[in-house]
Amino acid sequence: MRRFDMRLPAVVRLDPANEFHTETQNVSARGVFFYLDRPVPAGTPCEVTLTFPPHITLTDAVRVRFTARVIRVELPLPSSRIGTAAMIEDYEFLRSNGGNDFLSALQRDWAKSN
């Protein structure tokens, strides 16, 4: 899958007690790469929520929540941030004001690639 370099703010939830504010490095139709401050074992389920800004959507900002599973963890060099790759298993577009045409098109495109 083609990856798109997108440094976007994200919230990663590992469970109700572990939620991290971070950023993505890249996103594809089947995966997302983000940073955490601690390693997470491969296979760990997670939920990632991010917002695609207007300059990417060419309309209003669009929030998406992914259900994913960690598939790879990169050890930190030289910073303390740990790169984490997760495979997207499901996604949900979260309600926002406006942008319905873009939202519908994006949902169709994502559905085709999954």
N, C-alpha and C. Protein backbone atom coordinates (compact mmCIF):
# COMPACT_ATOMS: atom_id res chain seq x y z
N MET A 1 0.84 -1.19 0.00
CA MET A 1 0.00 0.00 0.00
C MET A 1 0.88 1.24 0.00
N ARG A 2 0.44 2.22 -0.73
CA ARG A 2 1.16 3.48 -0.75
C ARG A 2 0.99 4.21 0.58
N ARG A 3 2.09 4.68 1.11
CA ARG A 3 2.06 5.43 2.37
C ARG A 3 2.13 6.92 2.06
N PHE A 4 1.37 7.69 2.82
CA PHE A 4 1.38 9.13 2.66
C PHE A 4 2.02 9.74 3.90
N ASP A 5 3.12 10.47 3.69
CA ASP A 5 3.77 11.14 4.81
C ASP A 5 2.83 12.21 5.35
N MET A 6 2.33 11.98 6.55
CA MET A 6 1.41 12.92 7.19
C MET A 6 1.74 13.00 8.65
N ARG A 7 2.23 14.14 9.05
CA ARG A 7 2.48 14.37 10.46
C ARG A 7 1.23 15.03 11.03
N LEU A 8 0.38 14.19 11.60
CA LEU A 8 -0.90 14.65 12.13
C LEU A 8 -1.00 14.35 13.61
N PRO A 9 -1.60 15.25 14.38
CA PRO A 9 -1.84 14.93 15.78
C PRO A 9 -2.77 13.74 15.89
N ALA A 10 -2.49 12.87 16.84
CA ALA A 10 -3.30 11.66 17.01
C ALA A 10 -3.44 11.34 18.49
N VAL A 11 -4.51 10.63 18.79
CA VAL A 11 -4.71 10.08 20.13
C VAL A 11 -4.72 8.57 19.97
N VAL A 12 -3.83 7.89 20.70
CA VAL A 12 -3.75 6.43 20.66
C VAL A 12 -4.22 5.91 21.99
N ARG A 13 -5.21 5.02 21.95
CA ARG A 13 -5.74 4.42 23.17
C ARG A 13 -5.43 2.93 23.12
N LEU A 14 -4.68 2.46 24.13
CA LEU A 14 -4.37 1.04 24.23
C LEU A 14 -5.43 0.31 25.03
N ASP A 15 -5.98 0.99 26.01
CA ASP A 15 -7.09 0.51 26.83
C ASP A 15 -7.65 1.74 27.53
N PRO A 16 -8.74 1.63 28.26
CA PRO A 16 -9.33 2.83 28.87
C PRO A 16 -8.38 3.63 29.76
N ALA A 17 -7.38 2.98 30.34
CA ALA A 17 -6.47 3.67 31.25
C ALA A 17 -5.21 4.20 30.56
N ASN A 18 -4.95 3.80 29.33
CA ASN A 18 -3.72 4.21 28.64
C ASN A 18 -4.05 4.91 27.33
N GLU A 19 -4.04 6.24 27.39
CA GLU A 19 -4.30 7.07 26.22
C GLU A 19 -3.12 8.02 26.04
N PHE A 20 -2.62 8.11 24.81
CA PHE A 20 -1.43 8.90 24.52
C PHE A 20 -1.73 9.91 23.42
N HIS A 21 -1.29 11.15 23.62
CA HIS A 21 -1.37 12.17 22.58
C HIS A 21 -0.03 12.15 21.86
N THR A 22 -0.07 12.01 20.54
CA THR A 22 1.14 11.80 19.78
C THR A 22 0.97 12.39 18.38
N GLU A 23 1.80 11.93 17.43
CA GLU A 23 1.63 12.32 16.04
C GLU A 23 1.95 11.14 15.14
N THR A 24 1.36 11.17 13.96
CA THR A 24 1.64 10.14 12.98
C THR A 24 2.86 10.53 12.17
N GLN A 25 3.49 9.55 11.56
CA GLN A 25 4.55 9.82 10.59
C GLN A 25 4.00 9.59 9.19
N ASN A 26 3.22 8.49 9.04
CA ASN A 26 2.60 8.23 7.75
C ASN A 26 1.32 7.42 7.95
N VAL A 27 0.49 7.45 6.90
CA VAL A 27 -0.80 6.77 6.92
C VAL A 27 -1.01 6.13 5.55
N SER A 28 -1.54 4.93 5.54
CA SER A 28 -1.96 4.29 4.28
C SER A 28 -3.38 3.78 4.49
N ALA A 29 -3.95 3.19 3.46
CA ALA A 29 -5.31 2.66 3.58
C ALA A 29 -5.37 1.49 4.54
N ARG A 30 -4.23 0.86 4.81
CA ARG A 30 -4.23 -0.32 5.69
C ARG A 30 -3.39 -0.19 6.95
N GLY A 31 -2.74 0.95 7.11
CA GLY A 31 -1.90 1.07 8.28
C GLY A 31 -1.61 2.51 8.66
N VAL A 32 -1.07 2.65 9.87
CA VAL A 32 -0.69 3.96 10.38
C VAL A 32 0.59 3.78 11.20
N PHE A 33 1.50 4.74 11.07
CA PHE A 33 2.75 4.72 11.83
C PHE A 33 2.76 5.95 12.72
N PHE A 34 2.96 5.73 14.02
CA PHE A 34 2.93 6.82 14.99
C PHE A 34 4.02 6.60 16.03
N TYR A 35 4.16 7.56 16.93
CA TYR A 35 5.19 7.50 17.97
C TYR A 35 4.56 7.39 19.35
N LEU A 36 5.19 6.58 20.18
CA LEU A 36 4.80 6.49 21.59
C LEU A 36 6.04 6.69 22.45
N ASP A 37 5.84 6.89 23.74
CA ASP A 37 6.98 7.07 24.63
C ASP A 37 7.38 5.78 25.33
N ARG A 38 6.73 4.67 24.95
CA ARG A 38 7.09 3.37 25.50
C ARG A 38 6.79 2.29 24.46
N PRO A 39 7.53 1.18 24.52
CA PRO A 39 7.26 0.10 23.56
C PRO A 39 5.96 -0.61 23.88
N VAL A 40 5.30 -1.07 22.83
CA VAL A 40 4.06 -1.83 22.95
C VAL A 40 4.28 -3.14 22.19
N PRO A 41 3.96 -4.27 22.80
CA PRO A 41 4.20 -5.55 22.11
C PRO A 41 3.41 -5.69 20.81
N ALA A 42 4.02 -6.32 19.82
CA ALA A 42 3.31 -6.64 18.58
C ALA A 42 2.08 -7.46 18.94
N GLY A 43 1.00 -7.20 18.25
CA GLY A 43 -0.25 -7.89 18.51
C GLY A 43 -1.19 -7.12 19.42
N THR A 44 -0.69 -6.06 20.04
CA THR A 44 -1.52 -5.26 20.96
C THR A 44 -2.60 -4.52 20.17
N PRO A 45 -3.86 -4.65 20.56
CA PRO A 45 -4.91 -3.87 19.90
C PRO A 45 -4.84 -2.42 20.36
N CYS A 46 -5.22 -1.51 19.47
CA CYS A 46 -5.23 -0.10 19.82
C CYS A 46 -6.31 0.62 19.02
N GLU A 47 -6.60 1.82 19.46
CA GLU A 47 -7.55 2.68 18.77
C GLU A 47 -6.82 3.99 18.50
N VAL A 48 -6.82 4.43 17.26
CA VAL A 48 -6.12 5.65 16.87
C VAL A 48 -7.15 6.62 16.29
N THR A 49 -7.20 7.82 16.86
CA THR A 49 -8.09 8.86 16.36
C THR A 49 -7.24 10.01 15.85
N LEU A 50 -7.50 10.42 14.62
CA LEU A 50 -6.76 11.56 14.07
C LEU A 50 -7.69 12.40 13.22
N THR A 51 -7.23 13.60 12.91
CA THR A 51 -8.02 14.53 12.12
C THR A 51 -7.25 14.90 10.87
N PHE A 52 -7.86 14.64 9.71
CA PHE A 52 -7.28 15.10 8.45
C PHE A 52 -7.66 16.56 8.29
N PRO A 53 -6.67 17.47 8.20
CA PRO A 53 -6.97 18.90 8.15
C PRO A 53 -7.50 19.35 6.78
N PRO A 54 -8.08 20.54 6.73
CA PRO A 54 -8.66 21.05 5.48
C PRO A 54 -7.69 21.08 4.30
N HIS A 55 -6.40 21.32 4.53
CA HIS A 55 -5.48 21.37 3.38
C HIS A 55 -5.27 19.99 2.76
N ILE A 56 -5.63 18.92 3.46
CA ILE A 56 -5.56 17.57 2.90
C ILE A 56 -6.91 17.18 2.29
N THR A 57 -8.00 17.49 2.99
CA THR A 57 -9.33 17.10 2.52
C THR A 57 -9.88 18.04 1.46
N LEU A 58 -9.32 19.25 1.39
CA LEU A 58 -9.79 20.31 0.49
C LEU A 58 -11.23 20.72 0.80
N THR A 59 -11.62 20.49 2.02
CA THR A 59 -12.92 20.91 2.54
C THR A 59 -12.75 21.05 4.06
N ASP A 60 -13.73 20.67 4.83
CA ASP A 60 -13.62 20.74 6.29
C ASP A 60 -12.70 19.64 6.81
N ALA A 61 -12.23 19.82 8.02
CA ALA A 61 -11.44 18.78 8.69
C ALA A 61 -12.30 17.54 8.89
N VAL A 62 -11.68 16.36 8.77
CA VAL A 62 -12.39 15.09 8.93
C VAL A 62 -11.69 14.26 9.98
N ARG A 63 -12.44 13.85 11.00
CA ARG A 63 -11.89 13.00 12.06
C ARG A 63 -12.19 11.54 11.76
N VAL A 64 -11.18 10.69 11.98
CA VAL A 64 -11.32 9.26 11.73
C VAL A 64 -10.78 8.50 12.93
N ARG A 65 -11.51 7.45 13.33
CA ARG A 65 -11.04 6.59 14.41
C ARG A 65 -10.79 5.21 13.82
N PHE A 66 -9.54 4.73 13.99
CA PHE A 66 -9.14 3.42 13.50
C PHE A 66 -9.07 2.42 14.64
N THR A 67 -9.57 1.23 14.42
CA THR A 67 -9.28 0.10 15.29
C THR A 67 -8.13 -0.60 14.61
N ALA A 68 -7.04 -0.83 15.33
CA ALA A 68 -5.83 -1.35 14.71
C ALA A 68 -5.14 -2.34 15.64
N ARG A 69 -4.08 -2.95 15.11
CA ARG A 69 -3.28 -3.90 15.88
C ARG A 69 -1.81 -3.60 15.58
N VAL A 70 -1.01 -3.47 16.64
CA VAL A 70 0.43 -3.18 16.49
C VAL A 70 1.09 -4.36 15.77
N ILE A 71 1.85 -4.04 14.72
CA ILE A 71 2.54 -5.11 13.98
C ILE A 71 4.06 -4.95 14.03
N ARG A 72 4.54 -3.75 14.37
CA ARG A 72 5.99 -3.54 14.43
C ARG A 72 6.31 -2.38 15.36
N VAL A 73 7.42 -2.53 16.09
CA VAL A 73 7.89 -1.48 16.99
C VAL A 73 9.35 -1.23 16.68
N GLU A 74 9.73 0.03 16.47
CA GLU A 74 11.11 0.38 16.19
C GLU A 74 11.74 0.98 17.44
N LEU A 75 12.92 0.49 17.79
CA LEU A 75 13.61 1.01 18.96
C LEU A 75 14.04 2.44 18.72
N PRO A 76 14.03 3.26 19.77
CA PRO A 76 14.34 4.68 19.60
C PRO A 76 15.81 4.95 19.31
N LEU A 77 16.04 5.70 18.25
CA LEU A 77 17.38 6.16 17.89
C LEU A 77 17.25 7.52 17.26
N PRO A 78 17.81 8.57 17.74
CA PRO A 78 18.42 8.80 19.05
C PRO A 78 17.43 9.34 20.07
N SER A 79 16.20 9.64 19.64
CA SER A 79 15.25 10.22 20.59
C SER A 79 14.59 9.13 21.41
N SER A 80 13.77 9.54 22.35
CA SER A 80 13.09 8.55 23.20
C SER A 80 11.75 8.12 22.60
N ARG A 81 11.37 8.74 21.47
CA ARG A 81 10.11 8.34 20.84
C ARG A 81 10.28 6.99 20.16
N ILE A 82 9.28 6.15 20.31
CA ILE A 82 9.34 4.80 19.76
C ILE A 82 8.35 4.69 18.61
N GLY A 83 8.88 4.42 17.42
CA GLY A 83 8.03 4.27 16.25
C GLY A 83 7.20 3.02 16.35
N THR A 84 5.91 3.14 16.05
CA THR A 84 4.98 2.03 16.18
C THR A 84 4.13 1.94 14.91
N ALA A 85 4.16 0.77 14.28
CA ALA A 85 3.35 0.54 13.08
C ALA A 85 2.15 -0.30 13.48
N ALA A 86 0.98 0.11 13.03
CA ALA A 86 -0.25 -0.63 13.34
C ALA A 86 -1.04 -0.87 12.06
N MET A 87 -1.58 -2.07 11.95
CA MET A 87 -2.41 -2.43 10.81
C MET A 87 -3.86 -2.08 11.14
N ILE A 88 -4.50 -1.34 10.24
CA ILE A 88 -5.89 -0.93 10.44
C ILE A 88 -6.80 -2.12 10.18
N GLU A 89 -7.66 -2.40 11.16
CA GLU A 89 -8.62 -3.49 11.02
C GLU A 89 -10.02 -2.97 10.71
N ASP A 90 -10.32 -1.78 11.19
CA ASP A 90 -11.63 -1.17 10.96
C ASP A 90 -11.47 0.33 11.16
N TYR A 91 -12.43 1.10 10.68
CA TYR A 91 -12.37 2.54 10.86
C TYR A 91 -13.77 3.10 10.93
N GLU A 92 -13.84 4.30 11.47
CA GLU A 92 -15.12 4.99 11.63
C GLU A 92 -14.88 6.47 11.41
N PHE A 93 -15.67 7.08 10.54
CA PHE A 93 -15.61 8.52 10.35
C PHE A 93 -16.46 9.15 11.43
N LEU A 94 -15.89 10.08 12.17
CA LEU A 94 -16.61 10.72 13.26
C LEU A 94 -17.33 11.94 12.75
N ARG A 95 -18.47 12.20 13.29
CA ARG A 95 -19.31 13.32 12.84
C ARG A 95 -18.56 14.64 13.00
N SER A 96 -18.76 15.48 12.00
CA SER A 96 -18.23 16.85 12.06
C SER A 96 -19.21 17.73 11.32
N ASN A 97 -18.96 19.00 11.31
CA ASN A 97 -19.84 19.93 10.61
C ASN A 97 -19.43 20.03 9.16
N GLY A 98 -20.34 19.71 8.24
CA GLY A 98 -20.07 19.87 6.82
C GLY A 98 -19.17 18.78 6.27
N GLY A 99 -18.76 18.96 5.03
CA GLY A 99 -17.83 18.06 4.39
C GLY A 99 -18.43 16.73 3.99
N ASN A 100 -19.74 16.64 3.84
CA ASN A 100 -20.37 15.36 3.55
C ASN A 100 -19.96 14.78 2.21
N ASP A 101 -19.78 15.61 1.16
CA ASP A 101 -19.37 15.08 -0.14
C ASP A 101 -18.00 14.44 -0.03
N PHE A 102 -17.07 15.13 0.61
CA PHE A 102 -15.72 14.57 0.77
C PHE A 102 -15.78 13.31 1.63
N LEU A 103 -16.56 13.36 2.69
CA LEU A 103 -16.68 12.22 3.60
C LEU A 103 -17.19 10.99 2.86
N SER A 104 -18.20 11.16 2.05
CA SER A 104 -18.75 10.03 1.27
C SER A 104 -17.71 9.47 0.31
N ALA A 105 -17.00 10.34 -0.38
CA ALA A 105 -15.97 9.89 -1.32
C ALA A 105 -14.85 9.18 -0.60
N LEU A 106 -14.43 9.69 0.55
CA LEU A 106 -13.36 9.08 1.31
C LEU A 106 -13.79 7.72 1.83
N GLN A 107 -15.01 7.60 2.30
CA GLN A 107 -15.51 6.31 2.78
C GLN A 107 -15.51 5.28 1.65
N ARG A 108 -15.94 5.67 0.44
CA ARG A 108 -15.94 4.75 -0.70
C ARG A 108 -14.52 4.31 -1.03
N ASP A 109 -13.57 5.26 -1.06
CA ASP A 109 -12.18 4.93 -1.39
C ASP A 109 -11.58 3.98 -0.37
N TRP A 110 -11.83 4.23 0.92
CA TRP A 110 -11.28 3.37 1.96
C TRP A 110 -11.92 1.99 1.90
N ALA A 111 -13.21 1.93 1.61
CA ALA A 111 -13.90 0.64 1.54
C ALA A 111 -13.34 -0.20 0.39
N LYS A 112 -13.02 0.43 -0.73
CA LYS A 112 -12.46 -0.29 -1.88
C LYS A 112 -11.11 -0.90 -1.56
N SER A 113 -10.31 -0.22 -0.76
CA SER A 113 -8.95 -0.69 -0.49
C SER A 113 -8.88 -1.70 0.65
N ASN A 114 -9.97 -1.91 1.36
CA ASN A 114 -9.97 -2.88 2.48
C ASN A 114 -10.63 -4.18 2.10
